[in-house]
All heavy atoms as atom14 arrays in JSON, in Angstrom:
{
  "sequence": "ALMIGVNTALETLVSQAFGRKNLRDCGLYLHR",
  "atom14_mask": [
    [1, 1, 1, 1, 1, 0, 0, 0, 0, 0, 0, 0, 0, 0],
    [1, 1, 1, 1, 1, 1, 1, 1, 0, 0, 0, 0, 0, 0],
    [1, 1, 1, 1, 1, 1, 1, 1, 0, 0, 0, 0, 0, 0],
    [1, 1, 1, 1, 1, 1, 1, 1, 0, 0, 0, 0, 0, 0],
    [1, 1, 1, 1, 0, 0, 0, 0, 0, 0, 0, 0, 0, 0],
    [1, 1, 1, 1, 1, 1, 1, 0, 0, 0, 0, 0, 0, 0],
    [1, 1, 1, 1, 1, 1, 1, 1, 0, 0, 0, 0, 0, 0],
    [1, 1, 1, 1, 1, 1, 1, 0, 0, 0, 0, 0, 0, 0],
    [1, 1, 1, 1, 1, 0, 0, 0, 0, 0, 0, 0, 0, 0],
    [1, 1, 1, 1, 1, 1, 1, 1, 0, 0, 0, 0, 0, 0],
    [1, 1, 1, 1, 1, 1, 1, 1, 1, 0, 0, 0, 0, 0],
    [1, 1, 1, 1, 1, 1, 1, 0, 0, 0, 0, 0, 0, 0],
    [1, 1, 1, 1, 1, 1, 1, 1, 0, 0, 0, 0, 0, 0],
    [1, 1, 1, 1, 1, 1, 1, 0, 0, 0, 0, 0, 0, 0],
    [1, 1, 1, 1, 1, 1, 0, 0, 0, 0, 0, 0, 0, 0],
    [1, 1, 1, 1, 1, 1, 1, 1, 1, 0, 0, 0, 0, 0],
    [1, 1, 1, 1, 1, 0, 0, 0, 0, 0, 0, 0, 0, 0],
    [1, 1, 1, 1, 1, 1, 1, 1, 1, 1, 1, 0, 0, 0],
    [1, 1, 1, 1, 0, 0, 0, 0, 0, 0, 0, 0, 0, 0],
    [1, 1, 1, 1, 1, 1, 1, 1, 1, 1, 1, 0, 0, 0],
    [1, 1, 1, 1, 1, 1, 1, 1, 1, 0, 0, 0, 0, 0],
    [1, 1, 1, 1, 1, 1, 1, 1, 0, 0, 0, 0, 0, 0],
    [1, 1, 1, 1, 1, 1, 1, 1, 0, 0, 0, 0, 0, 0],
    [1, 1, 1, 1, 1, 1, 1, 1, 1, 1, 1, 0, 0, 0],
    [1, 1, 1, 1, 1, 1, 1, 1, 0, 0, 0, 0, 0, 0],
    [1, 1, 1, 1, 1, 1, 0, 0, 0, 0, 0, 0, 0, 0],
    [1, 1, 1, 1, 0, 0, 0, 0, 0, 0, 0, 0, 0, 0],
    [1, 1, 1, 1, 1, 1, 1, 1, 0, 0, 0, 0, 0, 0],
    [1, 1, 1, 1, 1, 1, 1, 1, 1, 1, 1, 1, 0, 0],
    [1, 1, 1, 1, 1, 1, 1, 1, 0, 0, 0, 0, 0, 0],
    [1, 1, 1, 1, 1, 1, 1, 1, 1, 1, 0, 0, 0, 0],
    [1, 1, 1, 1, 1, 1, 1, 1, 1, 1, 1, 0, 0, 0]
  ],
  "atom14_positions": [
    [[3.01, -3.53, -6.4], [1.92, -4.09, -7.2], [0.62, -3.33, -6.97], [-0.11, -3.01, -7.91], [1.74, -5.57, -6.85], [0.0, 0.0, 0.0], [0.0, 0.0, 0.0], [0.0, 0.0, 0.0], [0.0, 0.0, 0.0], [0.0, 0.0, 0.0], [0.0, 0.0, 0.0], [0.0, 0.0, 0.0], [0.0, 0.0, 0.0], [0.0, 0.0, 0.0]],
    [[0.33, -3.01, -5.72], [-0.91, -2.29, -5.4], [-0.84, -0.82, -5.8], [-1.77, -0.29, -6.42], [-1.19, -2.39, -3.89], [-1.59, -3.78, -3.38], [-1.66, -3.76, -1.86], [-2.92, -4.21, -3.96], [0.0, 0.0, 0.0], [0.0, 0.0, 0.0], [0.0, 0.0, 0.0], [0.0, 0.0, 0.0], [0.0, 0.0, 0.0], [0.0, 0.0, 0.0]],
    [[0.26, -0.17, -5.48], [0.36, 1.26, -5.7], [0.52, 1.63, -7.17], [-0.01, 2.63, -7.63], [1.51, 1.82, -4.87], [1.27, 1.67, -3.37], [2.66, 2.24, -2.35], [2.15, 1.68, -0.74], [0.0, 0.0, 0.0], [0.0, 0.0, 0.0], [0.0, 0.0, 0.0], [0.0, 0.0, 0.0], [0.0, 0.0, 0.0], [0.0, 0.0, 0.0]],
    [[1.22, 0.8, -7.92], [1.37, 1.06, -9.36], [0.02, 0.88, -10.05], [-0.28, 1.54, -11.04], [2.46, 0.17, -9.97], [3.83, 0.66, -9.51], [2.39, 0.17, -11.49], [5.01, -0.15, -10.01], [0.0, 0.0, 0.0], [0.0, 0.0, 0.0], [0.0, 0.0, 0.0], [0.0, 0.0, 0.0], [0.0, 0.0, 0.0], [0.0, 0.0, 0.0]],
    [[-0.82, -0.03, -9.51], [-2.17, -0.17, -10.04], [-2.96, 1.12, -9.91], [-3.67, 1.54, -10.83], [0.0, 0.0, 0.0], [0.0, 0.0, 0.0], [0.0, 0.0, 0.0], [0.0, 0.0, 0.0], [0.0, 0.0, 0.0], [0.0, 0.0, 0.0], [0.0, 0.0, 0.0], [0.0, 0.0, 0.0], [0.0, 0.0, 0.0], [0.0, 0.0, 0.0]],
    [[-2.82, 1.78, -8.77], [-3.48, 3.08, -8.55], [-2.94, 4.11, -9.53], [-3.69, 4.89, -10.13], [-3.25, 3.56, -7.1], [-3.77, 4.99, -6.91], [-3.92, 2.62, -6.11], [0.0, 0.0, 0.0], [0.0, 0.0, 0.0], [0.0, 0.0, 0.0], [0.0, 0.0, 0.0], [0.0, 0.0, 0.0], [0.0, 0.0, 0.0], [0.0, 0.0, 0.0]],
    [[-1.63, 4.12, -9.73], [-1.01, 5.12, -10.59], [-1.36, 4.94, -12.07], [-1.4, 5.9, -12.83], [0.51, 5.08, -10.41], [0.94, 5.65, -9.07], [0.2, 6.4, -8.45], [2.12, 5.3, -8.62], [0.0, 0.0, 0.0], [0.0, 0.0, 0.0], [0.0, 0.0, 0.0], [0.0, 0.0, 0.0], [0.0, 0.0, 0.0], [0.0, 0.0, 0.0]],
    [[-1.61, 3.69, -12.48], [-2.0, 3.45, -13.87], [-3.33, 4.13, -14.16], [-3.52, 4.74, -15.23], [-2.11, 1.93, -14.13], [-0.84, 1.33, -13.86], [-2.49, 1.66, -15.58], [0.0, 0.0, 0.0], [0.0, 0.0, 0.0], [0.0, 0.0, 0.0], [0.0, 0.0, 0.0], [0.0, 0.0, 0.0], [0.0, 0.0, 0.0], [0.0, 0.0, 0.0]],
    [[-4.26, 4.04, -13.22], [-5.55, 4.72, -13.38], [-5.36, 6.23, -13.39], [-6.06, 6.95, -14.11], [-6.49, 4.3, -12.26], [0.0, 0.0, 0.0], [0.0, 0.0, 0.0], [0.0, 0.0, 0.0], [0.0, 0.0, 0.0], [0.0, 0.0, 0.0], [0.0, 0.0, 0.0], [0.0, 0.0, 0.0], [0.0, 0.0, 0.0], [0.0, 0.0, 0.0]],
    [[-4.42, 6.71, -12.6], [-4.16, 8.15, -12.51], [-3.79, 8.73, -13.87], [-4.3, 9.77, -14.28], [-3.03, 8.41, -11.51], [-2.47, 9.84, -11.49], [-3.52, 10.83, -11.01], [-1.23, 9.91, -10.61], [0.0, 0.0, 0.0], [0.0, 0.0, 0.0], [0.0, 0.0, 0.0], [0.0, 0.0, 0.0], [0.0, 0.0, 0.0], [0.0, 0.0, 0.0]],
    [[-2.9, 8.06, -14.6], [-2.45, 8.59, -15.89], [-3.62, 8.75, -16.86], [-3.72, 9.75, -17.57], [-1.4, 7.68, -16.51], [-0.82, 8.23, -17.81], [0.28, 7.37, -18.38], [0.36, 6.17, -18.02], [1.09, 7.88, -19.17], [0.0, 0.0, 0.0], [0.0, 0.0, 0.0], [0.0, 0.0, 0.0], [0.0, 0.0, 0.0], [0.0, 0.0, 0.0]],
    [[-4.54, 7.77, -16.86], [-5.7, 7.84, -17.74], [-6.59, 9.02, -17.38], [-7.03, 9.79, -18.26], [-6.52, 6.53, -17.65], [-5.69, 5.43, -18.02], [-7.73, 6.58, -18.56], [0.0, 0.0, 0.0], [0.0, 0.0, 0.0], [0.0, 0.0, 0.0], [0.0, 0.0, 0.0], [0.0, 0.0, 0.0], [0.0, 0.0, 0.0], [0.0, 0.0, 0.0]],
    [[-6.86, 9.2, -16.1], [-7.74, 10.28, -15.65], [-7.13, 11.65, -15.92], [-7.81, 12.58, -16.36], [-8.04, 10.11, -14.16], [-8.9, 8.89, -13.79], [-8.93, 8.7, -12.28], [-10.31, 9.05, -14.34], [0.0, 0.0, 0.0], [0.0, 0.0, 0.0], [0.0, 0.0, 0.0], [0.0, 0.0, 0.0], [0.0, 0.0, 0.0], [0.0, 0.0, 0.0]],
    [[-5.84, 11.79, -15.64], [-5.16, 13.06, -15.89], [-5.15, 13.39, -17.37], [-5.39, 14.53, -17.77], [-3.71, 13.04, -15.34], [-2.93, 14.26, -15.8], [-3.73, 12.98, -13.81], [0.0, 0.0, 0.0], [0.0, 0.0, 0.0], [0.0, 0.0, 0.0], [0.0, 0.0, 0.0], [0.0, 0.0, 0.0], [0.0, 0.0, 0.0], [0.0, 0.0, 0.0]],
    [[-4.9, 12.38, -18.2], [-4.88, 12.6, -19.64], [-6.23, 13.08, -20.15], [-6.32, 13.99, -20.98], [-4.48, 11.29, -20.34], [-4.44, 11.47, -21.74], [0.0, 0.0, 0.0], [0.0, 0.0, 0.0], [0.0, 0.0, 0.0], [0.0, 0.0, 0.0], [0.0, 0.0, 0.0], [0.0, 0.0, 0.0], [0.0, 0.0, 0.0], [0.0, 0.0, 0.0]],
    [[-7.3, 12.49, -19.62], [-8.65, 12.9, -20.03], [-8.95, 14.33, -19.57], [-9.51, 15.13, -20.34], [-9.69, 11.94, -19.45], [-9.63, 10.54, -20.07], [-10.54, 9.55, -19.36], [-11.07, 9.83, -18.29], [-10.7, 8.38, -19.96], [0.0, 0.0, 0.0], [0.0, 0.0, 0.0], [0.0, 0.0, 0.0], [0.0, 0.0, 0.0], [0.0, 0.0, 0.0]],
    [[-8.59, 14.66, -18.34], [-8.82, 16.0, -17.82], [-7.99, 17.04, -18.58], [-8.47, 18.14, -18.89], [-8.48, 16.06, -16.33], [0.0, 0.0, 0.0], [0.0, 0.0, 0.0], [0.0, 0.0, 0.0], [0.0, 0.0, 0.0], [0.0, 0.0, 0.0], [0.0, 0.0, 0.0], [0.0, 0.0, 0.0], [0.0, 0.0, 0.0], [0.0, 0.0, 0.0]],
    [[-6.77, 16.66, -18.93], [-5.91, 17.57, -19.69], [-6.48, 17.81, -21.09], [-6.4, 18.91, -21.62], [-4.5, 16.99, -19.78], [-3.49, 17.92, -20.41], [-3.03, 19.03, -19.72], [-3.01, 17.68, -21.69], [-2.11, 19.9, -20.3], [-2.08, 18.53, -22.27], [-1.63, 19.65, -21.57], [0.0, 0.0, 0.0], [0.0, 0.0, 0.0], [0.0, 0.0, 0.0]],
    [[-7.05, 16.76, -21.65], [-7.68, 16.89, -22.96], [-8.87, 17.85, -22.92], [-9.16, 18.52, -23.92], [0.0, 0.0, 0.0], [0.0, 0.0, 0.0], [0.0, 0.0, 0.0], [0.0, 0.0, 0.0], [0.0, 0.0, 0.0], [0.0, 0.0, 0.0], [0.0, 0.0, 0.0], [0.0, 0.0, 0.0], [0.0, 0.0, 0.0], [0.0, 0.0, 0.0]],
    [[-9.54, 17.92, -21.76], [-10.66, 18.86, -21.58], [-10.16, 20.24, -21.18], [-10.95, 21.14, -20.94], [-11.62, 18.35, -20.5], [-12.26, 17.01, -20.78], [-13.39, 16.73, -19.8], [-12.97, 16.8, -18.42], [-12.55, 15.77, -17.7], [-12.48, 14.57, -18.25], [-12.2, 15.91, -16.43], [0.0, 0.0, 0.0], [0.0, 0.0, 0.0], [0.0, 0.0, 0.0]],
    [[-8.83, 20.37, -21.06], [-8.18, 21.61, -20.6], [-8.61, 21.98, -19.19], [-8.71, 23.15, -18.82], [-8.48, 22.77, -21.57], [-8.0, 22.51, -22.99], [-8.15, 23.73, -23.86], [-7.76, 23.43, -25.31], [-6.39, 22.93, -25.44], [0.0, 0.0, 0.0], [0.0, 0.0, 0.0], [0.0, 0.0, 0.0], [0.0, 0.0, 0.0], [0.0, 0.0, 0.0]],
    [[-8.85, 20.95, -18.38], [-9.25, 21.15, -16.99], [-8.07, 20.79, -16.09], [-7.96, 19.68, -15.57], [-10.46, 20.28, -16.66], [-11.08, 20.64, -15.31], [-10.4, 21.18, -14.44], [-12.35, 20.36, -15.15], [0.0, 0.0, 0.0], [0.0, 0.0, 0.0], [0.0, 0.0, 0.0], [0.0, 0.0, 0.0], [0.0, 0.0, 0.0], [0.0, 0.0, 0.0]],
    [[-7.15, 21.74, -15.94], [-5.94, 21.49, -15.15], [-6.25, 21.29, -13.68], [-5.53, 20.58, -12.97], [-4.96, 22.64, -15.34], [-4.37, 22.79, -16.75], [-3.43, 24.0, -16.82], [-3.62, 21.54, -17.16], [0.0, 0.0, 0.0], [0.0, 0.0, 0.0], [0.0, 0.0, 0.0], [0.0, 0.0, 0.0], [0.0, 0.0, 0.0], [0.0, 0.0, 0.0]],
    [[-7.32, 21.92, -13.23], [-7.69, 21.79, -11.82], [-8.01, 20.33, -11.49], [-7.61, 19.82, -10.44], [-8.91, 22.67, -11.53], [-9.24, 22.82, -10.06], [-8.32, 23.78, -9.37], [-8.6, 23.87, -7.94], [-7.86, 24.54, -7.08], [-6.79, 25.17, -7.49], [-8.18, 24.58, -5.81], [0.0, 0.0, 0.0], [0.0, 0.0, 0.0], [0.0, 0.0, 0.0]],
    [[-8.71, 19.67, -12.39], [-9.03, 18.25, -12.18], [-7.78, 17.38, -12.24], [-7.7, 16.35, -11.56], [-10.04, 17.76, -13.22], [-11.48, 18.01, -12.79], [-11.68, 18.57, -11.7], [-12.4, 17.66, -13.56], [0.0, 0.0, 0.0], [0.0, 0.0, 0.0], [0.0, 0.0, 0.0], [0.0, 0.0, 0.0], [0.0, 0.0, 0.0], [0.0, 0.0, 0.0]],
    [[-6.8, 17.77, -13.06], [-5.53, 17.02, -13.11], [-4.9, 16.98, -11.72], [-4.45, 15.92, -11.25], [-4.57, 17.67, -14.1], [-5.05, 17.55, -15.82], [0.0, 0.0, 0.0], [0.0, 0.0, 0.0], [0.0, 0.0, 0.0], [0.0, 0.0, 0.0], [0.0, 0.0, 0.0], [0.0, 0.0, 0.0], [0.0, 0.0, 0.0], [0.0, 0.0, 0.0]],
    [[-4.89, 18.12, -11.07], [-4.34, 18.19, -9.72], [-5.18, 17.41, -8.73], [-4.66, 16.75, -7.82], [0.0, 0.0, 0.0], [0.0, 0.0, 0.0], [0.0, 0.0, 0.0], [0.0, 0.0, 0.0], [0.0, 0.0, 0.0], [0.0, 0.0, 0.0], [0.0, 0.0, 0.0], [0.0, 0.0, 0.0], [0.0, 0.0, 0.0], [0.0, 0.0, 0.0]],
    [[-6.51, 17.46, -8.91], [-7.42, 16.73, -8.02], [-7.15, 15.23, -8.09], [-7.08, 14.55, -7.06], [-8.87, 17.03, -8.41], [-9.95, 16.23, -7.66], [-9.93, 16.57, -6.17], [-11.33, 16.51, -8.25], [0.0, 0.0, 0.0], [0.0, 0.0, 0.0], [0.0, 0.0, 0.0], [0.0, 0.0, 0.0], [0.0, 0.0, 0.0], [0.0, 0.0, 0.0]],
    [[-6.98, 14.71, -9.3], [-6.71, 13.28, -9.46], [-5.37, 12.9, -8.84], [-5.23, 11.81, -8.27], [-6.75, 12.9, -10.94], [-8.11, 13.05, -11.58], [-8.24, 13.6, -12.86], [-9.26, 12.67, -10.9], [-9.49, 13.74, -13.45], [-10.52, 12.83, -11.48], [-10.63, 13.36, -12.75], [-11.86, 13.51, -13.32], [0.0, 0.0, 0.0], [0.0, 0.0, 0.0]],
    [[-4.38, 13.77, -8.94], [-3.09, 13.51, -8.31], [-3.23, 13.43, -6.8], [-2.69, 12.53, -6.15], [-2.09, 14.61, -8.68], [-0.74, 14.55, -7.96], [0.03, 13.28, -8.35], [0.1, 15.78, -8.28], [0.0, 0.0, 0.0], [0.0, 0.0, 0.0], [0.0, 0.0, 0.0], [0.0, 0.0, 0.0], [0.0, 0.0, 0.0], [0.0, 0.0, 0.0]],
    [[-3.98, 14.37, -6.23], [-4.19, 14.38, -4.78], [-4.89, 13.1, -4.31], [-4.52, 12.51, -3.29], [-5.02, 15.6, -4.37], [-4.34, 16.89, -4.64], [-5.02, 18.07, -4.81], [-3.03, 17.21, -4.79], [-4.17, 19.05, -5.05], [-2.95, 18.55, -5.03], [0.0, 0.0, 0.0], [0.0, 0.0, 0.0], [0.0, 0.0, 0.0], [0.0, 0.0, 0.0]],
    [[-5.9, 12.69, -5.07], [-6.64, 11.5, -4.67], [-5.78, 10.24, -4.78], [-5.85, 9.36, -3.92], [-7.9, 11.36, -5.54], [-8.97, 12.39, -5.16], [-10.23, 12.24, -5.97], [-11.28, 13.12, -5.45], [-12.48, 13.24, -5.99], [-12.8, 12.55, -7.08], [-13.38, 14.06, -5.45], [0.0, 0.0, 0.0], [0.0, 0.0, 0.0], [0.0, 0.0, 0.0]]
  ]
}
């Protein structure tokens, strides 16, 4: 319940960074 909550936010952030073509930030959000 707790960890999937974190991962739901991750998908949104990665999608936004990917839309900006900022792959480095995609990796950063995964690490965090």
